[in-house]
Amino acid sequence: MRLRTICLCLFAFCSLLLTGCWDKTELNDVSIATGIAVDPGEEHKYKLTVEAVNSSQFAKQGAEGNAPVTTFSVEGESLSELSDKLNLGLVRKVIYSHTRVVYINQEIANEGILGFLDFLERSGHFRNDFNILVTSGEAADFTRVTYPVQKIPSLKIHQQIKTLVQEWGGDPDVRLNDFIDAIISKGREPVTAMVIIKGDPEKGKSTENNKMMEPDALVSVNGMAVFDDEKMIGTMSLDDVRNYLWTQSLPHTSLTIPCDEEKNRRYMDVRIIRSKSKMSTSYEKGHATLKVKIYGEARLQGAECKHDLSKLDVFQDYEKKLLDHIQSEVTQSIVKVQDEFGLDIYGFGDALNRENPKQFKEVEDNWNKVFTDATVEVDVAMQMLRTGIKSKSFMSELPDEESKEE
């Protein structure tokens, strides 16, 4: 009897493993969304545009030279409703797990984006590895601009931004959780990248754009959007974005630094090959001091300066110019944010909260005002490792401009 009971239990357990793929979805029955765009609707609050991959275009056989993606737009009052309403025009069920970019029209960003951020986080349809981008102009246009190398628009911009972050640092590389965490935090405000279309968006929609050496339309990173909680209140230039990223451990970048204070338009080119930063905040007697420590390693990639780098004092002078340049740029950028926005986009408040939660508790409700009035201290310890394959440049052997005039 006991053996029989055990056998029945094993049989019942095994039957659970044989339920089959009851919730399976065949690949041929779905459309994969790689990008979504949110614009103001003409008749409703939102217009949602989805960029869905035309998979037949990427098969070894059967490609017909048609568009690599299909886009479709619907209007409504919430993204949750609209995401399930796309089959008004699309044949297959849309899945969002491979979304790489969410484009947000600047008009929407100015009004506030908290409502649909909640849907993106709560629905479970989206992963946390997509870029959030604010667009200058119609967001839907960015899902339609084709490109020769990467034909799917959102995959192109996703890879473009990933490379930009690694090579130069013009993008804060913000993901959904990063943005939401900054909104929730009382010691930091959200930021995200901005993009524009250079050229004619209408011509960019044509597959002919893929065949041109100089495309009629090209999506380009254009700076950074600054938010006060959920609402966008301003923008920062690409140079200011790079200066912001120095405080966030910018991995690599390239700098052009004047050889001297005279305006003779001679420069040296420096490549930052490793960089880290550490932020700390002190608060005493009602006044905060914001401290940034930047350290790393660099190499000289080019020099128009007429100095012999084989001499130690010249090399040390170049290194000092590098340190002074970074310190000046970062300090000026932080002060500019204090003056123009009065918002802590860096996370100095979070740093104070980690170091001294009791002190931060006293000022958390008024932190942005404390940040605006704070003193800024930037310390740079950057080591220039080498000067390339030559120590002495041929530039040092050329005559000076003054001697030429004589």
Protein backbone atom coordinates (compact mmCIF):
# COMPACT_ATOMS: atom_id res chain seq x y z
CA MET A 1 0.00 0.00 0.00
CA ARG A 2 2.80 2.33 0.92
CA LEU A 3 4.65 1.59 -2.32
CA ARG A 4 1.49 2.27 -4.27
CA THR A 5 1.06 5.66 -2.58
CA ILE A 6 4.67 6.60 -3.35
CA CYS A 7 4.22 5.62 -7.01
CA LEU A 8 1.06 7.70 -7.29
CA CYS A 9 2.83 10.71 -5.78
CA LEU A 10 5.75 10.33 -8.20
CA PHE A 11 3.34 10.00 -11.11
CA ALA A 12 1.48 13.15 -10.02
CA PHE A 13 4.75 15.06 -9.65
CA CYS A 14 6.01 13.96 -13.07
CA SER A 15 2.74 15.03 -14.66
CA LEU A 16 3.50 18.59 -13.58
CA LEU A 17 6.61 18.48 -15.75
CA LEU A 18 4.59 17.41 -18.78
CA THR A 19 2.15 20.32 -18.91
CA GLY A 20 3.67 21.50 -22.18
CA CYS A 21 4.30 25.04 -23.39
CA TRP A 22 0.80 26.27 -22.65
CA ASP A 23 1.86 29.93 -22.92
CA LYS A 24 4.21 29.52 -25.88
CA THR A 25 4.38 32.13 -28.63
CA GLU A 26 5.80 31.27 -32.02
CA LEU A 27 8.36 33.70 -33.42
CA ASN A 28 6.34 33.99 -36.60
CA ASP A 29 3.37 35.22 -34.56
CA VAL A 30 5.05 38.24 -32.95
CA SER A 31 6.57 41.58 -33.93
CA ILE A 32 9.70 42.61 -32.03
CA ALA A 33 9.69 46.26 -30.96
CA THR A 34 13.16 47.82 -30.94
CA GLY A 35 12.09 51.39 -30.22
CA ILE A 36 9.07 53.34 -29.02
CA ALA A 37 8.40 57.07 -29.32
CA VAL A 38 6.07 59.23 -27.24
CA ASP A 39 4.68 62.48 -28.70
CA PRO A 40 1.78 64.76 -27.81
CA GLY A 41 -1.36 63.50 -29.52
CA GLU A 42 -3.48 65.64 -31.82
CA GLU A 43 -6.74 64.49 -30.24
CA HIS A 44 -5.51 62.72 -27.09
CA LYS A 45 -2.78 63.10 -24.46
CA TYR A 46 -0.22 60.76 -26.06
CA LYS A 47 0.72 59.46 -29.47
CA LEU A 48 2.67 56.20 -29.20
CA THR A 49 4.78 55.09 -32.15
CA VAL A 50 6.33 51.62 -32.25
CA GLU A 51 9.27 50.58 -34.40
CA ALA A 52 8.84 46.86 -35.20
CA VAL A 53 11.48 44.78 -36.98
CA ASN A 54 10.68 43.45 -40.44
CA SER A 55 12.39 40.09 -39.86
CA SER A 56 12.15 38.96 -43.49
CA GLN A 57 14.63 41.66 -44.45
CA PHE A 58 17.37 39.97 -42.41
CA ALA A 59 16.91 36.42 -43.64
CA LYS A 60 19.59 35.10 -45.98
CA GLN A 61 16.88 34.26 -48.46
CA GLY A 62 13.75 36.20 -49.11
CA ALA A 63 15.00 39.74 -48.48
CA GLU A 64 13.18 41.99 -50.89
CA GLY A 65 14.88 45.35 -50.37
CA ASN A 66 11.96 46.73 -48.39
CA ALA A 67 12.16 48.86 -45.24
CA PRO A 68 13.99 47.17 -42.32
CA VAL A 69 11.27 48.21 -39.85
CA THR A 70 7.58 49.01 -39.80
CA THR A 71 6.25 51.86 -37.66
CA PHE A 72 2.70 52.45 -36.50
CA SER A 73 1.16 55.14 -34.30
CA VAL A 74 -1.93 55.25 -32.09
CA GLU A 75 -3.31 57.95 -29.80
CA GLY A 76 -4.79 57.67 -26.33
CA GLU A 77 -4.67 58.78 -22.72
CA SER A 78 -2.20 56.18 -21.37
CA LEU A 79 0.70 54.15 -22.71
CA SER A 80 -0.64 51.02 -21.05
CA GLU A 81 -3.77 51.14 -23.18
CA LEU A 82 -1.90 52.11 -26.34
CA SER A 83 0.66 49.32 -26.03
CA ASP A 84 -2.19 46.80 -26.32
CA LYS A 85 -3.98 48.71 -29.06
CA LEU A 86 -1.33 48.56 -31.77
CA ASN A 87 -3.02 45.73 -33.63
CA LEU A 88 -5.36 48.29 -35.07
CA GLY A 89 -2.64 48.51 -37.70
CA LEU A 90 -0.05 45.80 -37.03
CA VAL A 91 -0.71 42.15 -37.85
CA ARG A 92 1.25 40.45 -35.09
CA LYS A 93 1.38 40.76 -31.33
CA VAL A 94 4.06 43.26 -30.29
CA ILE A 95 6.63 42.22 -27.68
CA TYR A 96 8.73 44.89 -25.96
CA SER A 97 11.47 42.91 -24.23
CA HIS A 98 13.99 43.84 -26.94
CA THR A 99 13.27 47.58 -26.88
CA ARG A 100 16.54 49.48 -27.09
CA VAL A 101 15.41 53.12 -27.06
CA VAL A 102 12.48 55.07 -25.65
CA TYR A 103 12.23 58.46 -27.39
CA ILE A 104 10.39 61.22 -25.51
CA ASN A 105 9.32 64.40 -27.28
CA GLN A 106 10.66 67.48 -25.49
CA GLU A 107 7.12 68.87 -25.19
CA ILE A 108 6.11 65.76 -23.24
CA ALA A 109 9.27 65.99 -21.10
CA ASN A 110 8.47 69.61 -20.23
CA GLU A 111 5.01 68.60 -19.00
CA GLY A 112 6.23 65.62 -16.94
CA ILE A 113 6.86 61.95 -17.65
CA LEU A 114 6.09 60.26 -14.34
CA GLY A 115 2.84 58.70 -15.57
CA PHE A 116 4.27 56.53 -18.31
CA LEU A 117 7.53 55.81 -16.47
CA ASP A 118 5.38 53.94 -13.96
CA PHE A 119 3.97 51.82 -16.80
CA LEU A 120 7.44 51.06 -18.19
CA GLU A 121 8.59 49.86 -14.76
CA ARG A 122 5.41 48.12 -13.62
CA SER A 123 4.26 46.30 -16.77
CA GLY A 124 7.05 43.70 -16.86
CA HIS A 125 7.20 44.00 -20.66
CA PHE A 126 10.41 46.07 -20.64
CA ARG A 127 13.90 45.27 -19.46
CA ASN A 128 16.17 47.84 -17.85
CA ASP A 129 18.74 48.01 -20.64
CA PHE A 130 17.17 50.58 -22.98
CA ASN A 131 18.21 54.21 -23.46
CA ILE A 132 15.86 57.04 -22.48
CA LEU A 133 16.32 59.92 -24.94
CA VAL A 134 14.64 63.32 -25.18
CA THR A 135 14.13 64.44 -28.77
CA SER A 136 14.23 67.87 -30.37
CA GLY A 137 11.24 67.64 -32.67
CA GLU A 138 8.83 64.80 -33.40
CA ALA A 139 9.93 61.69 -31.49
CA ALA A 140 8.32 59.38 -34.05
CA ASP A 141 10.72 60.63 -36.75
CA PHE A 142 13.63 59.04 -34.89
CA THR A 143 12.14 55.58 -35.34
CA ARG A 144 12.17 56.02 -39.13
CA VAL A 145 15.62 57.39 -39.99
CA THR A 146 17.55 54.61 -41.74
CA TYR A 147 21.33 54.15 -41.74
CA PRO A 148 23.63 52.15 -44.05
CA VAL A 149 25.56 50.09 -41.48
CA GLN A 150 22.84 49.35 -38.91
CA LYS A 151 19.54 49.51 -40.75
CA ILE A 152 17.26 49.33 -37.70
CA PRO A 153 17.05 52.94 -36.41
CA SER A 154 16.91 52.25 -32.66
CA LEU A 155 19.64 49.61 -32.74
CA LYS A 156 21.83 52.11 -34.56
CA ILE A 157 21.38 54.87 -31.96
CA HIS A 158 21.71 52.36 -29.08
CA GLN A 159 25.10 51.18 -30.38
CA GLN A 160 26.10 54.74 -31.27
CA ILE A 161 25.51 55.92 -27.70
CA LYS A 162 27.26 52.89 -26.23
CA THR A 163 30.36 53.67 -28.30
CA LEU A 164 30.17 57.39 -27.50
CA VAL A 165 30.13 56.63 -23.77
CA GLN A 166 33.27 54.51 -24.09
CA GLU A 167 35.22 56.73 -26.47
CA TRP A 168 34.39 60.33 -25.56
CA GLY A 169 31.69 60.51 -22.93
CA GLY A 170 28.89 62.68 -24.33
CA ASP A 171 26.04 60.68 -22.82
CA PRO A 172 25.08 60.08 -19.17
CA ASP A 173 24.06 56.49 -20.08
CA VAL A 174 20.79 56.64 -18.15
CA ARG A 175 18.55 53.59 -17.82
CA LEU A 176 14.98 53.36 -16.50
CA ASN A 177 15.97 52.45 -12.94
CA ASP A 178 18.60 55.23 -12.89
CA PHE A 179 15.99 57.81 -13.85
CA ILE A 180 13.41 56.59 -11.34
CA ASP A 181 16.00 56.38 -8.54
CA ALA A 182 16.99 60.01 -9.21
CA ILE A 183 13.33 61.12 -9.06
CA ILE A 184 12.84 59.34 -5.73
CA SER A 185 16.13 60.57 -4.25
CA LYS A 186 16.23 63.84 -2.32
CA GLY A 187 19.94 64.21 -3.03
CA ARG A 188 19.98 63.99 -6.81
CA GLU A 189 17.94 65.16 -9.84
CA PRO A 190 17.45 63.20 -13.10
CA VAL A 191 19.23 63.80 -16.39
CA THR A 192 19.19 62.05 -19.74
CA ALA A 193 20.64 62.50 -23.23
CA MET A 194 19.09 64.57 -26.01
CA VAL A 195 19.12 63.75 -29.72
CA ILE A 196 18.38 65.67 -32.92
CA ILE A 197 18.01 64.78 -36.58
CA LYS A 198 20.58 66.52 -38.76
CA GLY A 199 19.17 66.90 -42.23
CA ASP A 200 15.71 66.25 -43.64
CA PRO A 201 13.66 63.77 -41.54
CA GLU A 202 11.37 63.08 -44.49
CA LYS A 203 14.27 62.00 -46.72
CA GLY A 204 15.68 59.96 -43.84
CA LYS A 205 12.62 57.70 -43.93
CA SER A 206 13.48 56.44 -47.42
CA THR A 207 15.58 53.30 -47.94
CA GLU A 208 17.57 55.45 -50.40
CA ASN A 209 19.10 57.09 -47.32
CA ASN A 210 20.98 53.78 -46.78
CA LYS A 211 22.65 54.01 -50.17
CA MET A 212 24.16 57.48 -49.84
CA MET A 213 27.76 58.28 -48.86
CA GLU A 214 26.43 61.31 -47.00
CA PRO A 215 22.93 60.45 -45.71
CA ASP A 216 20.19 63.07 -46.09
CA ALA A 217 19.29 62.58 -42.43
CA LEU A 218 21.34 61.42 -39.46
CA VAL A 219 20.47 61.06 -35.77
CA SER A 220 23.02 62.80 -33.57
CA VAL A 221 23.49 63.21 -29.80
CA ASN A 222 22.99 66.88 -28.97
CA GLY A 223 23.54 67.32 -25.23
CA MET A 224 21.69 66.50 -22.03
CA ALA A 225 18.25 67.27 -20.63
CA VAL A 226 18.04 68.41 -16.99
CA PHE A 227 14.96 67.53 -14.95
CA ASP A 228 13.43 68.88 -11.77
CA ASP A 229 11.76 65.70 -10.51
CA GLU A 230 9.71 64.53 -13.51
CA LYS A 231 9.75 67.77 -15.55
CA MET A 232 12.48 68.87 -17.93
CA ILE A 233 13.64 72.42 -17.18
CA GLY A 234 16.72 72.94 -19.34
CA THR A 235 19.56 71.57 -21.45
CA MET A 236 23.34 71.27 -21.29
CA SER A 237 25.82 71.34 -24.17
CA LEU A 238 27.97 68.35 -25.14
CA ASP A 239 31.06 69.92 -23.55
CA ASP A 240 29.16 70.47 -20.30
CA VAL A 241 27.92 66.87 -20.46
CA ARG A 242 31.53 65.68 -20.64
CA ASN A 243 32.42 67.91 -17.69
CA TYR A 244 29.45 66.46 -15.78
CA LEU A 245 30.68 62.96 -16.55
CA TRP A 246 34.09 63.70 -14.99
CA THR A 247 32.25 63.57 -11.65
CA GLN A 248 30.62 60.24 -12.57
CA SER A 249 33.88 58.37 -13.35
CA LEU A 250 34.24 59.14 -17.05
CA PRO A 251 36.09 56.10 -18.50
CA HIS A 252 37.81 57.61 -21.56
CA THR A 253 37.90 60.89 -23.44
CA SER A 254 40.14 63.17 -25.49
CA LEU A 255 41.13 66.74 -24.65
CA THR A 256 42.54 69.64 -26.64
CA ILE A 257 44.53 71.92 -24.34
CA PRO A 258 46.19 75.27 -25.22
CA CYS A 259 49.99 75.18 -25.14
CA ASP A 260 50.15 78.47 -23.26
CA GLU A 261 48.01 81.41 -22.26
CA GLU A 262 48.85 83.39 -25.39
CA LYS A 263 46.27 83.22 -28.15
CA ASN A 264 48.53 81.65 -30.76
CA ARG A 265 46.11 78.77 -31.48
CA ARG A 266 48.61 76.02 -30.67
CA TYR A 267 47.33 73.00 -28.79
CA MET A 268 48.28 69.63 -27.40
CA ASP A 269 46.04 66.58 -27.72
CA VAL A 270 45.66 64.31 -24.70
CA ARG A 271 43.89 60.95 -24.50
CA ILE A 272 42.49 59.93 -21.10
CA ILE A 273 43.00 56.18 -20.97
CA ARG A 274 41.74 55.57 -17.42
CA SER A 275 39.74 57.78 -15.09
CA LYS A 276 37.86 57.50 -11.80
CA SER A 277 36.23 60.05 -9.56
CA LYS A 278 35.05 60.29 -5.99
CA MET A 279 32.55 62.80 -4.64
CA SER A 280 32.13 63.83 -1.03
CA THR A 281 30.15 66.52 0.73
CA SER A 282 30.75 68.22 4.04
CA TYR A 283 28.20 70.37 5.86
CA GLU A 284 29.22 72.67 8.68
CA LYS A 285 27.60 75.76 10.20
CA GLY A 286 24.86 75.87 7.58
CA HIS A 287 27.20 75.74 4.58
CA ALA A 288 28.10 72.83 2.31
CA THR A 289 31.37 72.12 0.52
CA LEU A 290 31.19 69.93 -2.58
CA LYS A 291 34.40 67.98 -3.17
CA VAL A 292 35.36 66.08 -6.31
CA LYS A 293 38.52 64.00 -6.59
CA ILE A 294 39.45 62.97 -10.15
CA TYR A 295 42.35 60.66 -10.79
CA GLY A 296 43.57 58.61 -13.70
CA GLU A 297 46.12 58.20 -16.47
CA ALA A 298 46.63 59.89 -19.82
CA ARG A 299 48.90 59.89 -22.84
CA LEU A 300 49.94 62.62 -25.25
CA GLN A 301 48.62 62.01 -28.75
CA GLY A 302 49.74 65.17 -30.50
CA ALA A 303 51.39 68.50 -29.79
CA GLU A 304 51.72 71.74 -31.71
CA CYS A 305 53.68 73.16 -28.79
CA LYS A 306 57.31 73.95 -29.61
CA HIS A 307 58.92 72.29 -26.61
CA ASP A 308 61.25 69.34 -26.20
CA LEU A 309 59.37 66.65 -24.30
CA SER A 310 62.57 64.76 -23.58
CA LYS A 311 63.21 67.39 -20.90
CA LEU A 312 61.65 66.58 -17.52
CA ASP A 313 60.56 70.13 -16.75
CA VAL A 314 58.70 70.36 -20.09
CA PHE A 315 56.95 67.05 -19.44
CA GLN A 316 55.93 68.17 -15.95
CA ASP A 317 54.66 71.46 -17.36
CA TYR A 318 52.46 69.59 -19.86
CA GLU A 319 51.11 67.43 -17.05
CA LYS A 320 50.30 70.52 -14.97
CA LYS A 321 48.46 72.08 -17.90
CA LEU A 322 46.37 68.92 -18.14
CA LEU A 323 45.48 69.00 -14.43
CA ASP A 324 44.67 72.72 -14.47
CA HIS A 325 42.51 72.32 -17.58
CA ILE A 326 40.38 69.52 -16.10
CA GLN A 327 40.07 71.29 -12.75
CA SER A 328 38.98 74.54 -14.40
CA GLU A 329 36.46 72.90 -16.75
CA VAL A 330 34.80 70.78 -14.06
CA THR A 331 34.67 73.62 -11.52
CA GLN A 332 33.15 76.04 -14.03
CA SER A 333 30.60 73.43 -15.10
CA ILE A 334 29.40 72.75 -11.54
CA VAL A 335 29.16 76.49 -10.80
CA LYS A 336 27.21 76.93 -14.06
CA VAL A 337 24.70 74.29 -12.97
CA GLN A 338 24.38 75.99 -9.57
CA ASP A 339 23.67 79.35 -11.22
CA GLU A 340 21.43 78.24 -14.11
CA PHE A 341 19.43 75.38 -12.61
CA GLY A 342 19.96 75.34 -8.86
CA LEU A 343 19.60 71.55 -8.95
CA ASP A 344 21.97 68.86 -7.75
CA ILE A 345 22.25 66.62 -10.82
CA TYR A 346 25.57 65.19 -9.61
CA GLY A 347 24.50 63.37 -6.47
CA PHE A 348 26.36 65.41 -3.85
CA GLY A 349 23.29 65.10 -1.64
CA ASP A 350 23.40 61.33 -1.95
CA ALA A 351 27.09 61.47 -1.01
CA LEU A 352 26.29 63.44 2.15
CA ASN A 353 23.49 60.99 2.96
CA ARG A 354 25.93 58.07 2.74
CA GLU A 355 28.62 59.80 4.78
CA ASN A 356 26.45 61.48 7.40
CA PRO A 357 22.74 60.54 7.24
CA LYS A 358 21.94 62.60 10.32
CA GLN A 359 23.28 65.80 8.75
CA PHE A 360 21.52 65.15 5.47
CA LYS A 361 18.24 64.60 7.30
CA GLU A 362 18.45 68.21 8.49
CA VAL A 363 18.72 69.63 4.96
CA GLU A 364 17.09 67.03 2.67
CA ASP A 365 13.89 69.04 2.15
CA ASN A 366 15.95 72.08 1.16
CA TRP A 367 18.94 70.34 -0.40
CA ASN A 368 18.88 72.04 -3.80
CA LYS A 369 19.10 75.45 -2.10
CA VAL A 370 22.03 74.20 0.00
CA PHE A 371 23.67 72.84 -3.18
CA THR A 372 23.24 76.16 -4.99
CA ASP A 373 25.04 78.10 -2.23
CA ALA A 374 27.78 75.51 -1.68
CA THR A 375 31.52 75.93 -2.23
CA VAL A 376 33.06 73.78 -4.98
CA GLU A 377 36.46 72.10 -4.60
CA VAL A 378 37.88 70.01 -7.46
CA ASP A 379 41.14 68.12 -7.04
CA VAL A 380 42.74 66.39 -10.04
CA ALA A 381 45.52 63.79 -9.86
CA MET A 382 46.07 62.77 -13.47
CA GLN A 383 49.34 61.12 -14.47
CA MET A 384 50.63 61.50 -18.02
CA LEU A 385 52.27 58.15 -18.71
CA ARG A 386 53.88 58.60 -22.09
CA THR A 387 54.25 60.89 -25.09
CA GLY A 388 53.75 58.45 -27.94
CA ILE A 389 56.63 56.98 -29.94
CA LYS A 390 58.57 60.29 -30.07
CA SER A 391 59.75 62.59 -27.32
CA LYS A 392 60.82 65.50 -29.48
CA SER A 393 58.34 66.83 -32.02
CA PHE A 394 59.43 68.13 -35.42
CA MET A 395 57.36 71.23 -34.50
CA SER A 396 60.22 72.36 -32.24
CA GLU A 397 62.49 72.64 -35.30
CA LEU A 398 60.17 74.96 -37.23
CA PRO A 399 60.82 78.72 -37.14
CA ASP A 400 58.63 80.91 -34.94
CA GLU A 401 55.94 83.07 -36.50
CA GLU A 402 57.86 86.18 -35.46
CA SER A 403 61.05 85.04 -37.22
CA LYS A 404 59.02 84.32 -40.37
CA GLU A 405 57.72 87.88 -40.41
CA GLU A 406 61.26 89.23 -40.11
